[in-house]
N, C-alpha and C. Protein backbone atom coordinates (compact mmCIF):
# COMPACT_ATOMS: atom_id res chain seq x y z
N UNK A 1 20.20 17.56 -18.34
CA UNK A 1 21.09 16.50 -17.90
C UNK A 1 20.95 15.32 -18.87
N UNK A 2 22.03 14.90 -19.47
CA UNK A 2 22.00 13.77 -20.39
C UNK A 2 21.96 12.46 -19.61
N UNK A 3 21.22 11.53 -20.12
CA UNK A 3 21.11 10.21 -19.50
C UNK A 3 21.69 9.16 -20.44
N UNK A 4 21.83 7.96 -19.96
CA UNK A 4 22.40 6.91 -20.78
C UNK A 4 21.54 6.61 -22.01
N UNK A 5 20.30 7.08 -22.02
CA UNK A 5 19.45 6.87 -23.18
C UNK A 5 19.81 7.84 -24.30
N UNK A 6 20.60 8.87 -23.99
CA UNK A 6 21.11 9.74 -25.01
C UNK A 6 20.34 11.03 -25.22
N UNK A 7 19.33 11.33 -24.44
CA UNK A 7 18.64 12.61 -24.61
C UNK A 7 18.78 13.47 -23.37
N UNK A 8 18.62 14.75 -23.59
CA UNK A 8 18.79 15.74 -22.53
C UNK A 8 17.42 16.12 -21.98
N UNK A 9 17.20 15.93 -20.67
CA UNK A 9 15.93 16.28 -20.04
C UNK A 9 15.52 17.72 -20.29
N UNK A 10 16.50 18.61 -20.39
CA UNK A 10 16.20 20.03 -20.55
C UNK A 10 15.59 20.35 -21.92
N UNK A 11 15.63 19.41 -22.84
CA UNK A 11 15.05 19.64 -24.16
C UNK A 11 13.55 19.32 -24.19
N UNK A 12 13.00 18.87 -23.08
CA UNK A 12 11.59 18.50 -23.01
C UNK A 12 10.89 19.36 -21.97
N UNK A 13 9.58 19.55 -22.15
CA UNK A 13 8.84 20.38 -21.19
C UNK A 13 8.67 19.70 -19.84
N UNK A 14 8.50 20.52 -18.80
CA UNK A 14 8.29 20.01 -17.45
C UNK A 14 7.00 20.54 -16.84
N UNK A 15 6.15 21.19 -17.67
CA UNK A 15 4.89 21.71 -17.17
C UNK A 15 3.96 20.57 -16.76
N UNK A 16 3.09 20.85 -15.79
CA UNK A 16 2.11 19.87 -15.32
C UNK A 16 0.73 20.10 -15.92
N UNK A 17 0.52 21.26 -16.50
CA UNK A 17 -0.78 21.61 -17.07
C UNK A 17 -0.60 22.17 -18.46
N UNK A 18 -1.67 22.05 -19.26
CA UNK A 18 -1.65 22.61 -20.61
C UNK A 18 -1.87 21.53 -21.64
N UNK A 19 -1.54 21.85 -22.87
CA UNK A 19 -1.65 20.90 -23.98
C UNK A 19 -0.72 19.72 -23.67
N UNK A 20 -1.23 18.52 -23.80
CA UNK A 20 -0.49 17.32 -23.39
C UNK A 20 0.94 17.29 -23.90
N UNK A 21 1.15 17.56 -25.17
CA UNK A 21 2.51 17.49 -25.73
C UNK A 21 3.44 18.56 -25.18
N UNK A 22 2.89 19.55 -24.50
CA UNK A 22 3.70 20.59 -23.89
C UNK A 22 3.84 20.40 -22.38
N UNK A 23 3.45 19.23 -21.88
CA UNK A 23 3.62 18.89 -20.47
C UNK A 23 4.66 17.77 -20.36
N UNK A 24 5.01 17.45 -19.15
CA UNK A 24 6.02 16.41 -18.92
C UNK A 24 5.48 15.00 -19.13
N UNK A 25 4.18 14.82 -19.06
CA UNK A 25 3.59 13.48 -18.97
C UNK A 25 3.88 12.53 -20.14
N UNK A 26 3.91 12.97 -21.38
CA UNK A 26 4.22 11.99 -22.42
C UNK A 26 5.70 11.61 -22.51
N UNK A 27 6.55 12.30 -21.75
CA UNK A 27 7.99 12.11 -21.91
C UNK A 27 8.69 11.45 -20.73
N UNK A 28 8.07 11.40 -19.58
CA UNK A 28 8.73 10.84 -18.41
C UNK A 28 8.16 9.47 -18.07
N UNK A 29 8.94 8.70 -17.34
CA UNK A 29 8.42 7.44 -16.81
C UNK A 29 8.48 7.51 -15.29
N UNK A 30 7.59 6.78 -14.65
CA UNK A 30 7.54 6.76 -13.19
C UNK A 30 8.69 5.94 -12.63
N UNK A 31 8.95 6.12 -11.35
CA UNK A 31 10.08 5.46 -10.69
C UNK A 31 9.98 3.94 -10.77
N UNK A 32 8.76 3.40 -10.65
CA UNK A 32 8.60 1.94 -10.71
C UNK A 32 9.08 1.41 -12.05
N UNK A 33 8.62 2.04 -13.13
CA UNK A 33 9.03 1.62 -14.47
C UNK A 33 10.53 1.77 -14.64
N UNK A 34 11.06 2.89 -14.21
CA UNK A 34 12.48 3.15 -14.34
C UNK A 34 13.30 2.10 -13.60
N UNK A 35 12.89 1.77 -12.38
CA UNK A 35 13.64 0.79 -11.59
C UNK A 35 13.60 -0.60 -12.22
N UNK A 36 12.42 -1.01 -12.68
CA UNK A 36 12.29 -2.34 -13.27
C UNK A 36 13.01 -2.44 -14.60
N UNK A 37 12.86 -1.44 -15.45
CA UNK A 37 13.50 -1.48 -16.76
C UNK A 37 15.01 -1.36 -16.68
N UNK A 38 15.52 -0.66 -15.66
CA UNK A 38 16.96 -0.47 -15.55
C UNK A 38 17.64 -1.48 -14.64
N UNK A 39 16.89 -2.42 -14.09
CA UNK A 39 17.48 -3.45 -13.25
C UNK A 39 18.42 -4.30 -14.11
N UNK A 40 19.61 -4.48 -13.67
CA UNK A 40 20.62 -5.18 -14.47
C UNK A 40 20.83 -6.64 -14.07
N UNK A 41 20.09 -7.11 -13.08
CA UNK A 41 20.20 -8.51 -12.68
C UNK A 41 19.28 -9.38 -13.52
N UNK A 42 19.11 -10.59 -13.09
CA UNK A 42 18.22 -11.54 -13.76
C UNK A 42 16.77 -11.23 -13.43
N UNK A 43 15.89 -11.37 -14.40
CA UNK A 43 14.46 -11.18 -14.15
C UNK A 43 13.98 -12.10 -13.04
N UNK A 44 14.61 -13.24 -12.90
CA UNK A 44 14.24 -14.19 -11.84
C UNK A 44 14.40 -13.55 -10.47
N UNK A 45 15.32 -12.59 -10.33
CA UNK A 45 15.54 -11.92 -9.05
C UNK A 45 14.31 -11.13 -8.60
N UNK A 46 13.48 -10.68 -9.54
CA UNK A 46 12.31 -9.88 -9.20
C UNK A 46 11.10 -10.74 -8.84
N UNK A 47 11.11 -12.00 -9.23
CA UNK A 47 9.97 -12.88 -8.95
C UNK A 47 9.76 -13.02 -7.45
N UNK A 48 8.53 -12.78 -7.02
CA UNK A 48 8.11 -12.85 -5.62
C UNK A 48 8.73 -11.77 -4.75
N UNK A 49 9.28 -10.73 -5.37
CA UNK A 49 9.91 -9.64 -4.61
C UNK A 49 8.86 -8.69 -4.05
N UNK A 50 9.30 -7.84 -3.11
CA UNK A 50 8.50 -6.75 -2.58
C UNK A 50 9.02 -5.46 -3.20
N UNK A 51 8.11 -4.55 -3.49
CA UNK A 51 8.47 -3.25 -4.03
C UNK A 51 8.00 -2.18 -3.06
N UNK A 52 8.92 -1.33 -2.61
CA UNK A 52 8.59 -0.23 -1.71
C UNK A 52 8.51 1.05 -2.53
N UNK A 53 7.38 1.75 -2.43
CA UNK A 53 7.16 2.95 -3.22
C UNK A 53 6.60 4.06 -2.34
N UNK A 54 6.79 5.28 -2.77
CA UNK A 54 6.24 6.44 -2.08
C UNK A 54 4.73 6.52 -2.33
N UNK A 55 4.33 6.59 -3.60
CA UNK A 55 2.92 6.68 -3.97
C UNK A 55 2.43 5.34 -4.50
N UNK A 56 1.17 5.02 -4.21
CA UNK A 56 0.56 3.81 -4.76
C UNK A 56 0.70 3.87 -6.29
N UNK A 57 1.10 2.78 -6.93
CA UNK A 57 1.39 2.80 -8.36
C UNK A 57 0.16 3.08 -9.23
N UNK A 58 0.39 3.79 -10.32
CA UNK A 58 -0.65 4.03 -11.31
C UNK A 58 -0.91 2.73 -12.08
N UNK A 59 -1.92 2.73 -12.92
CA UNK A 59 -2.27 1.53 -13.67
C UNK A 59 -1.17 1.12 -14.65
N UNK A 60 -0.46 2.08 -15.24
CA UNK A 60 0.61 1.72 -16.17
C UNK A 60 1.75 1.02 -15.43
N UNK A 61 2.12 1.54 -14.28
CA UNK A 61 3.17 0.90 -13.48
C UNK A 61 2.69 -0.43 -12.93
N UNK A 62 1.41 -0.53 -12.59
CA UNK A 62 0.86 -1.79 -12.09
C UNK A 62 1.07 -2.91 -13.10
N UNK A 63 0.84 -2.62 -14.37
CA UNK A 63 1.02 -3.65 -15.41
C UNK A 63 2.47 -4.10 -15.48
N UNK A 64 3.40 -3.17 -15.35
CA UNK A 64 4.82 -3.51 -15.40
C UNK A 64 5.21 -4.31 -14.16
N UNK A 65 4.69 -3.92 -13.01
CA UNK A 65 4.96 -4.65 -11.77
C UNK A 65 4.48 -6.09 -11.89
N UNK A 66 3.28 -6.27 -12.39
CA UNK A 66 2.72 -7.62 -12.56
C UNK A 66 3.59 -8.44 -13.50
N UNK A 67 3.94 -7.87 -14.65
CA UNK A 67 4.73 -8.61 -15.63
C UNK A 67 6.14 -8.94 -15.13
N UNK A 68 6.65 -8.15 -14.20
CA UNK A 68 8.00 -8.38 -13.69
C UNK A 68 8.07 -9.55 -12.71
N UNK A 69 6.92 -9.93 -12.15
CA UNK A 69 6.90 -11.02 -11.17
C UNK A 69 6.89 -10.55 -9.73
N UNK A 70 6.94 -9.26 -9.49
CA UNK A 70 6.86 -8.72 -8.13
C UNK A 70 5.51 -9.12 -7.54
N UNK A 71 5.48 -9.53 -6.28
CA UNK A 71 4.24 -10.03 -5.68
C UNK A 71 3.67 -9.18 -4.57
N UNK A 72 4.44 -8.17 -4.10
CA UNK A 72 3.91 -7.34 -3.02
C UNK A 72 4.38 -5.90 -3.21
N UNK A 73 3.46 -4.96 -2.98
CA UNK A 73 3.76 -3.54 -3.06
C UNK A 73 3.48 -2.92 -1.71
N UNK A 74 4.47 -2.26 -1.16
CA UNK A 74 4.32 -1.54 0.10
C UNK A 74 4.45 -0.06 -0.24
N UNK A 75 3.43 0.72 0.11
CA UNK A 75 3.41 2.13 -0.28
C UNK A 75 3.24 3.03 0.93
N UNK A 76 3.67 4.27 0.79
CA UNK A 76 3.59 5.26 1.85
C UNK A 76 2.32 6.09 1.75
N UNK A 77 1.91 6.45 0.54
CA UNK A 77 0.75 7.31 0.35
C UNK A 77 -0.12 6.81 -0.79
N UNK A 78 -1.42 6.98 -0.63
CA UNK A 78 -2.38 6.64 -1.69
C UNK A 78 -3.26 7.86 -1.95
N UNK A 79 -2.59 9.01 -2.14
CA UNK A 79 -3.34 10.27 -2.24
C UNK A 79 -4.21 10.35 -3.49
N UNK A 80 -3.99 9.46 -4.46
CA UNK A 80 -4.83 9.43 -5.66
C UNK A 80 -5.74 8.20 -5.65
N UNK A 81 -6.08 7.71 -4.48
CA UNK A 81 -6.85 6.47 -4.33
C UNK A 81 -8.13 6.44 -5.14
N UNK A 82 -8.80 7.58 -5.27
CA UNK A 82 -10.08 7.62 -5.98
C UNK A 82 -9.95 7.92 -7.46
N UNK A 83 -8.73 8.04 -7.95
CA UNK A 83 -8.55 8.28 -9.39
C UNK A 83 -8.80 6.98 -10.15
N UNK A 84 -9.24 7.12 -11.39
CA UNK A 84 -9.49 5.93 -12.20
C UNK A 84 -8.24 5.09 -12.38
N UNK A 85 -7.08 5.75 -12.50
CA UNK A 85 -5.82 5.02 -12.65
C UNK A 85 -5.55 4.12 -11.45
N UNK A 86 -5.76 4.63 -10.24
CA UNK A 86 -5.46 3.83 -9.05
C UNK A 86 -6.54 2.79 -8.77
N UNK A 87 -7.76 3.08 -9.14
CA UNK A 87 -8.81 2.07 -9.04
C UNK A 87 -8.46 0.91 -9.97
N UNK A 88 -8.02 1.24 -11.18
CA UNK A 88 -7.60 0.20 -12.13
C UNK A 88 -6.40 -0.58 -11.60
N UNK A 89 -5.46 0.10 -10.95
CA UNK A 89 -4.29 -0.58 -10.37
C UNK A 89 -4.72 -1.64 -9.36
N UNK A 90 -5.62 -1.25 -8.46
CA UNK A 90 -6.08 -2.21 -7.45
C UNK A 90 -6.81 -3.39 -8.09
N UNK A 91 -7.62 -3.13 -9.11
CA UNK A 91 -8.28 -4.23 -9.82
C UNK A 91 -7.26 -5.17 -10.44
N UNK A 92 -6.25 -4.61 -11.10
CA UNK A 92 -5.21 -5.43 -11.70
C UNK A 92 -4.48 -6.25 -10.64
N UNK A 93 -4.06 -5.59 -9.56
CA UNK A 93 -3.34 -6.30 -8.50
C UNK A 93 -4.21 -7.40 -7.90
N UNK A 94 -5.47 -7.11 -7.62
CA UNK A 94 -6.37 -8.10 -7.02
C UNK A 94 -6.54 -9.31 -7.93
N UNK A 95 -6.74 -9.09 -9.21
CA UNK A 95 -6.95 -10.20 -10.16
C UNK A 95 -5.68 -11.03 -10.35
N UNK A 96 -4.53 -10.40 -10.18
CA UNK A 96 -3.26 -11.08 -10.44
C UNK A 96 -2.56 -11.56 -9.18
N UNK A 97 -3.20 -11.42 -8.03
CA UNK A 97 -2.63 -11.93 -6.79
C UNK A 97 -1.49 -11.12 -6.23
N UNK A 98 -1.43 -9.84 -6.58
CA UNK A 98 -0.40 -8.96 -6.03
C UNK A 98 -0.96 -8.35 -4.75
N UNK A 99 -0.26 -8.52 -3.65
CA UNK A 99 -0.72 -7.92 -2.40
C UNK A 99 -0.15 -6.52 -2.28
N UNK A 100 -0.84 -5.68 -1.55
CA UNK A 100 -0.39 -4.31 -1.35
C UNK A 100 -0.84 -3.84 0.01
N UNK A 101 0.00 -3.02 0.63
CA UNK A 101 -0.37 -2.48 1.94
C UNK A 101 0.31 -1.15 2.15
N UNK A 102 -0.37 -0.32 2.90
CA UNK A 102 0.16 0.99 3.27
C UNK A 102 1.03 0.81 4.50
N UNK A 103 2.22 1.34 4.45
CA UNK A 103 3.10 1.27 5.61
C UNK A 103 2.69 2.36 6.59
N UNK A 104 2.63 2.02 7.83
CA UNK A 104 2.25 2.95 8.88
C UNK A 104 3.52 3.34 9.64
N UNK A 105 4.01 4.52 9.36
CA UNK A 105 5.27 4.96 9.97
C UNK A 105 5.17 5.21 11.46
N UNK A 106 3.95 5.31 11.97
CA UNK A 106 3.77 5.47 13.42
C UNK A 106 4.10 4.18 14.17
N UNK A 107 3.78 3.04 13.57
CA UNK A 107 4.00 1.77 14.24
C UNK A 107 5.09 0.93 13.57
N UNK A 108 5.31 1.13 12.28
CA UNK A 108 6.29 0.33 11.54
C UNK A 108 7.49 1.22 11.21
N UNK A 109 8.48 1.20 12.08
CA UNK A 109 9.63 2.07 11.89
C UNK A 109 10.88 1.31 11.43
N UNK A 110 10.75 0.02 11.28
CA UNK A 110 11.91 -0.76 10.90
C UNK A 110 11.61 -1.51 9.60
N UNK A 111 12.48 -1.32 8.62
CA UNK A 111 12.39 -2.04 7.36
C UNK A 111 13.66 -2.85 7.22
N UNK A 112 13.51 -4.16 7.09
CA UNK A 112 14.66 -5.02 6.91
C UNK A 112 14.69 -5.52 5.48
N UNK A 113 15.87 -5.51 4.90
CA UNK A 113 16.06 -6.00 3.53
C UNK A 113 17.04 -7.16 3.61
N UNK A 114 16.60 -8.29 3.13
CA UNK A 114 17.46 -9.48 3.13
C UNK A 114 17.90 -9.75 1.70
N UNK A 115 19.21 -9.72 1.46
CA UNK A 115 19.76 -10.01 0.16
C UNK A 115 20.23 -11.46 0.13
N UNK A 116 19.78 -12.15 -0.88
CA UNK A 116 20.16 -13.57 -0.97
C UNK A 116 21.14 -13.79 -2.09
């Protein structure tokens, strides 16, 4: 599938294991990076914003979140909590004043979005 960046996803590997250059990891970006980089509004719109994500962000995404001005991350799962990447993410967020919390779908079933 061709994207606006001009390359076809099918020309790159999608394996999860093996020699790094033959896996998907050097070629894809995570959803957080994709959303922030492709946002077409003013960067000011992201300042003090909340970001809702499925997985707790990796350290690379954490750096982009911090630089974008987002101040809160709400996540559904932290299944890689003990990985070095996620430990680094929490350190970065803590030092930079980014708050984060796991959403509890048992008690928190309503998400409101206010557009200004």
